[in-house]
């Protein structure tokens, strides 16, 4: 890790056996972060490089990692076609979400913590109700990224094509529950 703007090395995070694929900072504990890795694990750290937890269970490499807005939970998206929700404190797997036919490549949580959105290489984005663990909406044509943005009831989804010509698809949905 490097401090800015001085570009001074602060710490080194050692623990993964393969490359890191994503990093996310805790929304609550500003000096805590989580990493996803091709070694099929996620790790929880402080900014001094101390390992605080390891999350194991995925069968393939991890693509993305995201903190729940409460900071108490961590979501991991994997090439094993699932995403999982973990308790940060106990390292316990709380949810194993299946619903994609190919790798899950994106994950984000709604601002109020009640919903999650996932997207995968199956060109499908799903919205999940975390209270029930069920998919409540499926959107075709999304691959790389989903993000909750703007108003608390909106989902911003971004589709990036892997074809030779670059195609960007932007969808904004409003939810009313």
N, C-alpha and C. Protein backbone atom coordinates (compact mmCIF):
# COMPACT_ATOMS: atom_id res chain seq x y z
N UNK A 1 0.85 -1.17 0.00
CA UNK A 1 0.00 0.00 0.00
C UNK A 1 0.89 1.23 0.00
N UNK A 2 0.41 2.27 -0.66
CA UNK A 2 1.17 3.50 -0.81
C UNK A 2 0.35 4.66 -0.27
N UNK A 3 1.01 5.60 0.38
CA UNK A 3 0.34 6.82 0.83
C UNK A 3 0.47 7.86 -0.27
N UNK A 4 -0.54 8.67 -0.38
CA UNK A 4 -0.54 9.71 -1.40
C UNK A 4 -0.67 11.06 -0.72
N UNK A 5 -0.15 12.14 -1.20
CA UNK A 5 0.53 12.30 -2.48
C UNK A 5 2.03 12.02 -2.41
N UNK A 6 2.55 11.63 -1.26
CA UNK A 6 3.99 11.41 -1.10
C UNK A 6 4.51 10.17 -1.83
N UNK A 7 3.63 9.26 -2.22
CA UNK A 7 3.99 8.01 -2.87
C UNK A 7 5.01 7.26 -2.01
N UNK A 8 4.65 7.10 -0.75
CA UNK A 8 5.49 6.41 0.20
C UNK A 8 4.85 5.06 0.54
N UNK A 9 5.66 4.01 0.49
CA UNK A 9 5.17 2.67 0.80
C UNK A 9 4.83 2.60 2.29
N UNK A 10 3.59 2.20 2.58
CA UNK A 10 3.11 2.12 3.95
C UNK A 10 3.16 0.69 4.46
N UNK A 11 2.66 -0.24 3.65
CA UNK A 11 2.64 -1.65 4.06
C UNK A 11 2.51 -2.55 2.85
N UNK A 12 2.76 -3.83 3.08
CA UNK A 12 2.61 -4.86 2.05
C UNK A 12 1.63 -5.89 2.59
N UNK A 13 0.67 -6.25 1.75
CA UNK A 13 -0.33 -7.25 2.14
C UNK A 13 0.14 -8.61 1.63
N UNK A 14 0.56 -9.47 2.53
CA UNK A 14 1.04 -10.79 2.16
C UNK A 14 0.10 -11.85 2.70
N UNK A 15 -0.33 -12.75 1.84
CA UNK A 15 -1.24 -13.80 2.29
C UNK A 15 -1.87 -14.58 1.14
N UNK A 16 -2.13 -13.91 0.03
CA UNK A 16 -2.68 -14.62 -1.12
C UNK A 16 -1.57 -15.41 -1.81
N UNK A 17 -1.93 -16.55 -2.37
CA UNK A 17 -0.95 -17.38 -3.07
C UNK A 17 -0.97 -17.14 -4.58
N UNK A 18 -1.97 -16.39 -5.06
CA UNK A 18 -2.03 -15.99 -6.46
C UNK A 18 -2.39 -14.52 -6.51
N UNK A 19 -2.49 -13.97 -7.70
CA UNK A 19 -2.68 -12.53 -7.87
C UNK A 19 -4.00 -12.04 -7.26
N UNK A 20 -3.98 -10.80 -6.79
CA UNK A 20 -5.20 -10.14 -6.32
C UNK A 20 -6.01 -9.71 -7.54
N UNK A 21 -7.31 -9.84 -7.47
CA UNK A 21 -8.19 -9.49 -8.58
C UNK A 21 -9.05 -8.26 -8.30
N UNK A 22 -9.20 -7.90 -7.02
CA UNK A 22 -9.99 -6.73 -6.67
C UNK A 22 -9.68 -6.31 -5.24
N UNK A 23 -9.99 -5.06 -4.94
CA UNK A 23 -9.82 -4.54 -3.58
C UNK A 23 -10.99 -3.61 -3.28
N UNK A 24 -11.43 -3.59 -2.01
CA UNK A 24 -12.50 -2.70 -1.58
C UNK A 24 -12.17 -2.22 -0.17
N UNK A 25 -12.48 -0.95 0.10
CA UNK A 25 -12.29 -0.39 1.43
C UNK A 25 -13.59 -0.44 2.21
N UNK A 26 -13.49 -0.69 3.49
CA UNK A 26 -14.66 -0.74 4.35
C UNK A 26 -15.33 0.63 4.39
N UNK A 27 -16.67 0.66 4.30
CA UNK A 27 -17.38 1.94 4.39
C UNK A 27 -17.46 2.45 5.83
N UNK A 28 -17.13 1.61 6.79
CA UNK A 28 -17.25 1.95 8.21
C UNK A 28 -15.88 2.13 8.87
N UNK A 29 -15.01 1.15 8.68
CA UNK A 29 -13.67 1.19 9.25
C UNK A 29 -12.71 1.65 8.16
N UNK A 30 -12.41 2.93 8.14
CA UNK A 30 -11.65 3.54 7.04
C UNK A 30 -10.24 2.97 6.88
N UNK A 31 -9.73 2.29 7.90
CA UNK A 31 -8.39 1.71 7.78
C UNK A 31 -8.44 0.20 7.53
N UNK A 32 -9.61 -0.31 7.13
CA UNK A 32 -9.75 -1.73 6.81
C UNK A 32 -10.10 -1.89 5.33
N UNK A 33 -9.59 -2.95 4.73
CA UNK A 33 -9.88 -3.24 3.34
C UNK A 33 -9.97 -4.75 3.12
N UNK A 34 -10.50 -5.12 1.98
CA UNK A 34 -10.62 -6.54 1.63
C UNK A 34 -10.08 -6.74 0.22
N UNK A 35 -9.49 -7.91 0.00
CA UNK A 35 -8.98 -8.25 -1.31
C UNK A 35 -9.59 -9.56 -1.79
N UNK A 36 -9.78 -9.65 -3.09
CA UNK A 36 -10.21 -10.89 -3.74
C UNK A 36 -9.01 -11.41 -4.52
N UNK A 37 -8.97 -12.73 -4.73
CA UNK A 37 -7.79 -13.29 -5.38
C UNK A 37 -8.13 -14.45 -6.30
N UNK A 38 -7.21 -14.71 -7.21
CA UNK A 38 -7.31 -15.88 -8.08
C UNK A 38 -7.08 -17.17 -7.29
N UNK A 39 -6.62 -17.06 -6.04
CA UNK A 39 -6.43 -18.26 -5.21
C UNK A 39 -7.74 -18.76 -4.58
N UNK A 40 -8.87 -18.16 -4.99
CA UNK A 40 -10.23 -18.55 -4.56
C UNK A 40 -10.58 -18.07 -3.15
N UNK A 41 -9.79 -17.16 -2.59
CA UNK A 41 -10.08 -16.64 -1.26
C UNK A 41 -10.22 -15.13 -1.28
N UNK A 42 -10.88 -14.64 -0.25
CA UNK A 42 -10.92 -13.20 0.04
C UNK A 42 -10.23 -13.02 1.38
N UNK A 43 -9.61 -11.88 1.55
CA UNK A 43 -8.93 -11.60 2.81
C UNK A 43 -9.29 -10.20 3.28
N UNK A 44 -9.35 -10.06 4.61
CA UNK A 44 -9.71 -8.82 5.28
C UNK A 44 -8.48 -8.33 6.04
N UNK A 45 -8.10 -7.06 5.84
CA UNK A 45 -6.84 -6.52 6.34
C UNK A 45 -7.06 -5.18 7.03
N UNK A 46 -6.07 -4.77 7.84
CA UNK A 46 -5.99 -3.37 8.20
C UNK A 46 -4.93 -2.74 7.31
N UNK A 47 -4.87 -1.42 7.33
CA UNK A 47 -3.96 -0.75 6.40
C UNK A 47 -2.49 -0.83 6.81
N UNK A 48 -2.21 -1.49 7.91
CA UNK A 48 -0.82 -1.74 8.32
C UNK A 48 -0.32 -3.09 7.80
N UNK A 49 -1.21 -3.82 7.12
CA UNK A 49 -0.83 -5.11 6.53
C UNK A 49 -1.16 -6.31 7.39
N UNK A 50 -1.84 -6.10 8.53
CA UNK A 50 -2.22 -7.22 9.39
C UNK A 50 -3.45 -7.93 8.81
N UNK A 51 -3.38 -9.24 8.68
CA UNK A 51 -4.49 -10.04 8.19
C UNK A 51 -5.51 -10.22 9.31
N UNK A 52 -6.75 -9.81 9.06
CA UNK A 52 -7.81 -9.89 10.05
C UNK A 52 -8.77 -11.05 9.81
N UNK A 53 -8.80 -11.59 8.59
CA UNK A 53 -9.70 -12.70 8.30
C UNK A 53 -9.50 -13.24 6.90
N UNK A 54 -9.88 -14.51 6.73
CA UNK A 54 -9.81 -15.18 5.43
C UNK A 54 -11.15 -15.85 5.17
N UNK A 55 -11.65 -15.70 3.95
CA UNK A 55 -12.95 -16.22 3.55
C UNK A 55 -12.75 -17.26 2.46
N UNK A 56 -13.06 -18.52 2.78
CA UNK A 56 -12.85 -19.65 1.87
C UNK A 56 -14.16 -20.33 1.56
N UNK A 57 -14.29 -20.81 0.33
CA UNK A 57 -15.49 -21.55 -0.04
C UNK A 57 -15.73 -21.59 -1.54
N UNK A 58 -15.25 -20.59 -2.26
CA UNK A 58 -15.43 -20.59 -3.71
C UNK A 58 -14.61 -21.69 -4.36
N UNK A 59 -15.12 -22.20 -5.48
CA UNK A 59 -14.47 -23.29 -6.19
C UNK A 59 -13.57 -22.81 -7.33
N UNK A 60 -13.72 -21.55 -7.71
CA UNK A 60 -12.92 -20.95 -8.77
C UNK A 60 -12.42 -19.59 -8.29
N UNK A 61 -11.60 -18.93 -9.10
CA UNK A 61 -11.02 -17.64 -8.72
C UNK A 61 -12.11 -16.59 -8.48
N UNK A 62 -11.77 -15.61 -7.68
CA UNK A 62 -12.68 -14.51 -7.41
C UNK A 62 -12.48 -13.40 -8.43
N UNK A 63 -13.57 -12.75 -8.79
CA UNK A 63 -13.51 -11.64 -9.73
C UNK A 63 -13.66 -10.30 -9.02
N UNK A 64 -14.62 -10.19 -8.10
CA UNK A 64 -14.92 -8.93 -7.44
C UNK A 64 -15.19 -9.14 -5.96
N UNK A 65 -15.06 -8.04 -5.23
CA UNK A 65 -15.34 -8.02 -3.80
C UNK A 65 -16.02 -6.70 -3.48
N UNK A 66 -16.99 -6.72 -2.56
CA UNK A 66 -17.70 -5.49 -2.19
C UNK A 66 -18.14 -5.58 -0.73
N UNK A 67 -18.07 -4.46 -0.04
CA UNK A 67 -18.57 -4.37 1.31
C UNK A 67 -20.04 -4.01 1.30
N UNK A 68 -20.80 -4.61 2.19
CA UNK A 68 -22.16 -4.21 2.49
C UNK A 68 -22.08 -2.82 3.12
N UNK A 69 -23.07 -1.95 2.93
CA UNK A 69 -23.00 -0.60 3.50
C UNK A 69 -22.80 -0.55 5.02
N UNK A 70 -23.22 -1.58 5.72
CA UNK A 70 -23.05 -1.62 7.18
C UNK A 70 -21.60 -1.88 7.58
N UNK A 71 -20.81 -2.40 6.65
CA UNK A 71 -19.44 -2.79 6.95
C UNK A 71 -19.33 -4.13 7.65
N UNK A 72 -20.47 -4.73 7.99
CA UNK A 72 -20.48 -6.01 8.72
C UNK A 72 -20.38 -7.23 7.81
N UNK A 73 -20.64 -7.02 6.52
CA UNK A 73 -20.69 -8.13 5.57
C UNK A 73 -19.83 -7.82 4.36
N UNK A 74 -19.41 -8.89 3.72
CA UNK A 74 -18.56 -8.80 2.55
C UNK A 74 -19.15 -9.70 1.47
N UNK A 75 -19.23 -9.20 0.24
CA UNK A 75 -19.71 -10.00 -0.88
C UNK A 75 -18.56 -10.34 -1.81
N UNK A 76 -18.54 -11.58 -2.30
CA UNK A 76 -17.51 -12.01 -3.25
C UNK A 76 -18.18 -12.61 -4.48
N UNK A 77 -17.70 -12.23 -5.65
CA UNK A 77 -18.19 -12.75 -6.92
C UNK A 77 -17.11 -13.63 -7.52
N UNK A 78 -17.52 -14.78 -8.11
CA UNK A 78 -16.53 -15.76 -8.53
C UNK A 78 -16.82 -16.35 -9.91
N UNK A 79 -15.77 -16.88 -10.46
CA UNK A 79 -15.87 -17.62 -11.72
C UNK A 79 -16.56 -18.97 -11.51
N UNK A 80 -16.89 -19.35 -10.29
CA UNK A 80 -17.63 -20.60 -10.04
C UNK A 80 -19.13 -20.42 -10.24
N UNK A 81 -19.55 -19.27 -10.80
CA UNK A 81 -20.94 -18.96 -11.14
C UNK A 81 -21.78 -18.57 -9.92
N UNK A 82 -21.13 -18.23 -8.83
CA UNK A 82 -21.85 -17.84 -7.61
C UNK A 82 -21.31 -16.53 -7.06
N UNK A 83 -22.10 -15.95 -6.17
CA UNK A 83 -21.58 -14.90 -5.31
C UNK A 83 -21.99 -15.27 -3.90
N UNK A 84 -21.19 -14.84 -2.95
CA UNK A 84 -21.42 -15.23 -1.56
C UNK A 84 -21.38 -14.00 -0.66
N UNK A 85 -22.12 -14.11 0.43
CA UNK A 85 -22.15 -13.08 1.45
C UNK A 85 -21.53 -13.65 2.71
N UNK A 86 -20.59 -12.90 3.29
CA UNK A 86 -19.82 -13.35 4.45
C UNK A 86 -19.99 -12.39 5.62
N UNK A 87 -19.95 -12.93 6.82
CA UNK A 87 -19.89 -12.13 8.03
C UNK A 87 -18.41 -11.76 8.25
N UNK A 88 -18.11 -10.47 8.28
CA UNK A 88 -16.73 -10.03 8.39
C UNK A 88 -16.10 -10.45 9.71
N UNK A 89 -16.87 -10.38 10.79
CA UNK A 89 -16.33 -10.68 12.11
C UNK A 89 -16.08 -12.17 12.32
N UNK A 90 -17.04 -13.02 11.92
CA UNK A 90 -16.91 -14.46 12.19
C UNK A 90 -16.32 -15.25 11.03
N UNK A 91 -16.23 -14.62 9.84
CA UNK A 91 -15.76 -15.25 8.60
C UNK A 91 -16.72 -16.34 8.11
N UNK A 92 -17.94 -16.34 8.63
CA UNK A 92 -18.94 -17.34 8.27
C UNK A 92 -19.64 -16.96 6.96
N UNK A 93 -19.86 -17.96 6.11
CA UNK A 93 -20.62 -17.76 4.88
C UNK A 93 -22.10 -17.69 5.24
N UNK A 94 -22.76 -16.59 4.90
CA UNK A 94 -24.17 -16.39 5.23
C UNK A 94 -25.10 -16.74 4.07
N UNK A 95 -24.67 -16.44 2.85
CA UNK A 95 -25.47 -16.73 1.66
C UNK A 95 -24.57 -17.27 0.55
N UNK A 96 -25.08 -18.26 -0.15
CA UNK A 96 -24.45 -18.77 -1.37
C UNK A 96 -25.50 -18.56 -2.45
N UNK A 97 -25.25 -17.60 -3.34
CA UNK A 97 -26.24 -17.23 -4.35
C UNK A 97 -25.88 -17.82 -5.71
N UNK A 98 -26.78 -18.65 -6.21
CA UNK A 98 -26.64 -19.22 -7.55
C UNK A 98 -27.73 -18.62 -8.42
N UNK A 99 -27.49 -18.51 -9.70
CA UNK A 99 -28.48 -17.92 -10.58
C UNK A 99 -27.86 -17.47 -11.89
N UNK A 100 -26.56 -17.57 -11.98
CA UNK A 100 -25.86 -17.25 -13.22
C UNK A 100 -25.37 -18.56 -13.85
N UNK A 101 -25.39 -18.60 -15.18
CA UNK A 101 -24.94 -19.82 -15.88
C UNK A 101 -23.46 -19.75 -16.26
N UNK A 102 -22.84 -18.58 -16.05
CA UNK A 102 -21.41 -18.42 -16.29
C UNK A 102 -20.82 -17.60 -15.15
N UNK A 103 -19.57 -17.28 -15.24
CA UNK A 103 -18.85 -16.57 -14.18
C UNK A 103 -19.58 -15.30 -13.73
N UNK A 104 -19.59 -15.06 -12.42
CA UNK A 104 -20.14 -13.83 -11.87
C UNK A 104 -18.99 -12.83 -11.80
N UNK A 105 -19.18 -11.68 -12.43
CA UNK A 105 -18.09 -10.74 -12.60
C UNK A 105 -18.29 -9.40 -11.89
N UNK A 106 -19.49 -9.12 -11.44
CA UNK A 106 -19.76 -7.85 -10.78
C UNK A 106 -20.70 -8.02 -9.61
N UNK A 107 -20.55 -7.14 -8.61
CA UNK A 107 -21.37 -7.22 -7.41
C UNK A 107 -21.40 -5.86 -6.74
N UNK A 108 -22.58 -5.45 -6.29
CA UNK A 108 -22.70 -4.22 -5.53
C UNK A 108 -23.91 -4.32 -4.62
N UNK A 109 -23.92 -3.51 -3.56
CA UNK A 109 -25.01 -3.49 -2.59
C UNK A 109 -25.75 -2.17 -2.66
N UNK A 110 -27.07 -2.26 -2.48
CA UNK A 110 -27.91 -1.07 -2.40
C UNK A 110 -27.52 -0.26 -1.18
N UNK A 111 -27.72 1.04 -1.23
CA UNK A 111 -27.34 1.96 -0.15
C UNK A 111 -27.95 1.58 1.20
N UNK A 112 -29.19 1.07 1.18
CA UNK A 112 -29.84 0.72 2.46
C UNK A 112 -29.52 -0.70 2.92
N UNK A 113 -28.77 -1.45 2.10
CA UNK A 113 -28.32 -2.78 2.49
C UNK A 113 -29.32 -3.89 2.27
N UNK A 114 -30.49 -3.60 1.73
CA UNK A 114 -31.52 -4.63 1.56
C UNK A 114 -31.39 -5.41 0.25
N UNK A 115 -30.72 -4.83 -0.74
CA UNK A 115 -30.59 -5.46 -2.05
C UNK A 115 -29.13 -5.57 -2.46
N UNK A 116 -28.88 -6.55 -3.31
CA UNK A 116 -27.57 -6.69 -3.95
C UNK A 116 -27.81 -6.86 -5.44
N UNK A 117 -26.85 -6.47 -6.24
CA UNK A 117 -26.93 -6.68 -7.69
C UNK A 117 -25.68 -7.43 -8.12
N UNK A 118 -25.88 -8.42 -8.98
CA UNK A 118 -24.76 -9.19 -9.53
C UNK A 118 -24.88 -9.21 -11.03
N UNK A 119 -23.75 -9.38 -11.71
CA UNK A 119 -23.78 -9.57 -13.16
C UNK A 119 -22.67 -10.54 -13.52
N UNK A 120 -22.87 -11.20 -14.66
CA UNK A 120 -21.92 -12.22 -15.03
C UNK A 120 -21.68 -12.29 -16.51
N UNK A 121 -20.80 -13.20 -16.86
CA UNK A 121 -20.44 -13.40 -18.26
C UNK A 121 -21.56 -14.09 -19.04
N UNK A 122 -22.66 -14.42 -18.37
CA UNK A 122 -23.85 -14.92 -19.05
C UNK A 122 -24.71 -13.77 -19.59
N UNK A 123 -24.19 -12.54 -19.51
CA UNK A 123 -24.87 -11.32 -19.97
C UNK A 123 -26.16 -11.07 -19.20
N UNK A 124 -26.17 -11.45 -17.93
CA UNK A 124 -27.35 -11.31 -17.08
C UNK A 124 -26.98 -10.54 -15.82
N UNK A 125 -27.80 -9.55 -15.50
CA UNK A 125 -27.68 -8.86 -14.21
C UNK A 125 -28.86 -9.28 -13.37
N UNK A 126 -28.62 -9.54 -12.11
CA UNK A 126 -29.69 -9.93 -11.18
C UNK A 126 -29.70 -9.00 -9.99
N UNK A 127 -30.91 -8.71 -9.52
CA UNK A 127 -31.09 -7.97 -8.28
C UNK A 127 -31.61 -8.98 -7.27
N UNK A 128 -30.96 -9.01 -6.09
CA UNK A 128 -31.27 -9.98 -5.04
C UNK A 128 -31.80 -9.26 -3.81
N UNK A 129 -32.85 -9.81 -3.22
CA UNK A 129 -33.37 -9.32 -1.94
C UNK A 129 -32.61 -10.05 -0.84
N UNK A 130 -31.80 -9.35 -0.08
CA UNK A 130 -30.99 -10.00 0.94
C UNK A 130 -31.82 -10.47 2.13
N UNK A 131 -33.04 -9.95 2.27
CA UNK A 131 -33.90 -10.39 3.37
C UNK A 131 -34.44 -11.79 3.12
N UNK A 132 -34.62 -12.15 1.84
CA UNK A 132 -35.16 -13.47 1.51
C UNK A 132 -34.13 -14.36 0.82
N UNK A 133 -33.06 -13.76 0.28
CA UNK A 133 -32.06 -14.51 -0.46
C UNK A 133 -32.49 -14.85 -1.88
N UNK A 134 -33.55 -14.23 -2.36
CA UNK A 134 -34.08 -14.55 -3.69
C UNK A 134 -33.79 -13.47 -4.71
N UNK A 135 -33.65 -13.91 -5.96
CA UNK A 135 -33.50 -12.99 -7.07
C UNK A 135 -34.87 -12.38 -7.35
N UNK A 136 -34.94 -11.04 -7.39
CA UNK A 136 -36.23 -10.37 -7.61
C UNK A 136 -36.32 -9.73 -8.99
N UNK A 137 -35.19 -9.68 -9.71
CA UNK A 137 -35.19 -9.07 -11.03
C UNK A 137 -34.01 -9.61 -11.83
N UNK A 138 -34.24 -9.89 -13.10
CA UNK A 138 -33.17 -10.32 -14.00
C UNK A 138 -33.20 -9.42 -15.23
N UNK A 139 -32.03 -8.92 -15.63
CA UNK A 139 -31.89 -8.04 -16.77
C UNK A 139 -30.90 -8.64 -17.75
N UNK A 140 -31.31 -8.81 -18.99
CA UNK A 140 -30.42 -9.39 -19.99
C UNK A 140 -29.56 -8.31 -20.64
N UNK A 141 -28.34 -8.69 -21.04
CA UNK A 141 -27.48 -7.79 -21.79
C UNK A 141 -26.46 -7.05 -20.95
N UNK A 142 -26.10 -7.57 -19.78
CA UNK A 142 -25.14 -6.91 -18.90
C UNK A 142 -24.00 -7.87 -18.61
N UNK A 143 -22.76 -7.36 -18.66
CA UNK A 143 -21.63 -8.26 -18.47
C UNK A 143 -20.72 -7.84 -17.33
N UNK A 144 -20.13 -6.68 -17.37
CA UNK A 144 -18.99 -6.37 -16.53
C UNK A 144 -19.28 -5.68 -15.21
N UNK A 145 -20.28 -4.82 -15.13
CA UNK A 145 -20.38 -4.00 -13.94
C UNK A 145 -21.82 -3.66 -13.60
N UNK A 146 -22.11 -3.66 -12.31
CA UNK A 146 -23.37 -3.13 -11.79
C UNK A 146 -23.02 -2.25 -10.61
N UNK A 147 -23.68 -1.10 -10.50
CA UNK A 147 -23.44 -0.18 -9.40
C UNK A 147 -24.74 0.50 -9.02
N UNK A 148 -24.97 0.61 -7.75
CA UNK A 148 -26.06 1.44 -7.26
C UNK A 148 -25.53 2.86 -7.21
N UNK A 149 -26.19 3.78 -7.89
CA UNK A 149 -25.74 5.16 -7.97
C UNK A 149 -26.93 6.10 -7.81
N UNK A 150 -26.63 7.33 -7.51
CA UNK A 150 -27.67 8.36 -7.48
C UNK A 150 -28.65 8.17 -6.35
N UNK A 151 -29.92 8.22 -6.67
CA UNK A 151 -30.96 8.13 -5.65
C UNK A 151 -30.95 6.74 -5.02
N UNK A 152 -31.41 6.63 -3.78
CA UNK A 152 -31.41 5.34 -3.09
C UNK A 152 -32.21 4.24 -3.80
N UNK A 153 -33.09 4.63 -4.73
CA UNK A 153 -33.90 3.61 -5.39
C UNK A 153 -33.44 3.30 -6.81
N UNK A 154 -32.24 3.73 -7.19
CA UNK A 154 -31.80 3.50 -8.56
C UNK A 154 -30.62 2.54 -8.65
N UNK A 155 -30.59 1.81 -9.73
CA UNK A 155 -29.49 0.88 -10.04
C UNK A 155 -28.90 1.32 -11.36
N UNK A 156 -27.61 1.53 -11.38
CA UNK A 156 -26.90 1.85 -12.61
C UNK A 156 -26.18 0.60 -13.05
N UNK A 157 -26.47 0.12 -14.23
CA UNK A 157 -25.78 -1.06 -14.73
C UNK A 157 -25.05 -0.70 -16.01
N UNK A 158 -23.87 -1.25 -16.15
CA UNK A 158 -23.04 -0.93 -17.31
C UNK A 158 -22.69 -2.21 -18.04
N UNK A 159 -22.87 -2.22 -19.33
CA UNK A 159 -22.52 -3.36 -20.15
C UNK A 159 -21.35 -2.97 -21.03
N UNK A 160 -20.27 -3.74 -20.97
CA UNK A 160 -19.12 -3.52 -21.83
C UNK A 160 -18.94 -4.75 -22.71
N UNK A 161 -19.00 -4.57 -23.99
CA UNK A 161 -18.88 -5.70 -24.91
C UNK A 161 -17.45 -6.21 -24.98
N UNK A 162 -17.31 -7.51 -25.22
CA UNK A 162 -15.99 -8.09 -25.43
C UNK A 162 -15.73 -8.30 -26.92
N UNK A 163 -16.61 -7.75 -27.74
CA UNK A 163 -16.46 -7.87 -29.19
C UNK A 163 -15.48 -6.81 -29.70
N UNK A 164 -14.97 -6.97 -30.93
CA UNK A 164 -13.98 -6.02 -31.45
C UNK A 164 -14.43 -4.56 -31.42
N UNK A 165 -15.69 -4.31 -31.73
CA UNK A 165 -16.17 -2.93 -31.63
C UNK A 165 -16.67 -2.71 -30.20
N UNK A 166 -16.28 -1.62 -29.62
CA UNK A 166 -16.64 -1.35 -28.22
C UNK A 166 -18.08 -0.85 -28.17
N UNK A 167 -18.88 -1.46 -27.32
CA UNK A 167 -20.27 -1.08 -27.15
C UNK A 167 -20.53 -0.88 -25.67
N UNK A 168 -21.05 0.27 -25.33
CA UNK A 168 -21.36 0.56 -23.93
C UNK A 168 -22.86 0.69 -23.79
N UNK A 169 -23.43 -0.02 -22.84
CA UNK A 169 -24.86 0.05 -22.59
C UNK A 169 -25.05 0.53 -21.16
N UNK A 170 -25.78 1.58 -20.99
CA UNK A 170 -26.01 2.17 -19.69
C UNK A 170 -27.50 2.08 -19.39
N UNK A 171 -27.85 1.50 -18.27
CA UNK A 171 -29.25 1.34 -17.88
C UNK A 171 -29.43 1.91 -16.48
N UNK A 172 -30.42 2.76 -16.32
CA UNK A 172 -30.74 3.26 -15.00
C UNK A 172 -32.16 2.82 -14.68
N UNK A 173 -32.34 2.11 -13.60
CA UNK A 173 -33.65 1.61 -13.19
C UNK A 173 -34.03 2.24 -11.86
N UNK A 174 -35.28 2.56 -11.71
CA UNK A 174 -35.80 3.06 -10.44
C UNK A 174 -36.61 1.95 -9.79
N UNK A 175 -36.36 1.70 -8.50
CA UNK A 175 -37.07 0.69 -7.75
C UNK A 175 -38.02 1.36 -6.75
N UNK A 176 -39.21 0.81 -6.64
CA UNK A 176 -40.18 1.31 -5.67
C UNK A 176 -40.77 0.12 -4.94
N UNK A 177 -40.34 -0.08 -3.70
CA UNK A 177 -40.83 -1.20 -2.90
C UNK A 177 -41.77 -0.72 -1.84
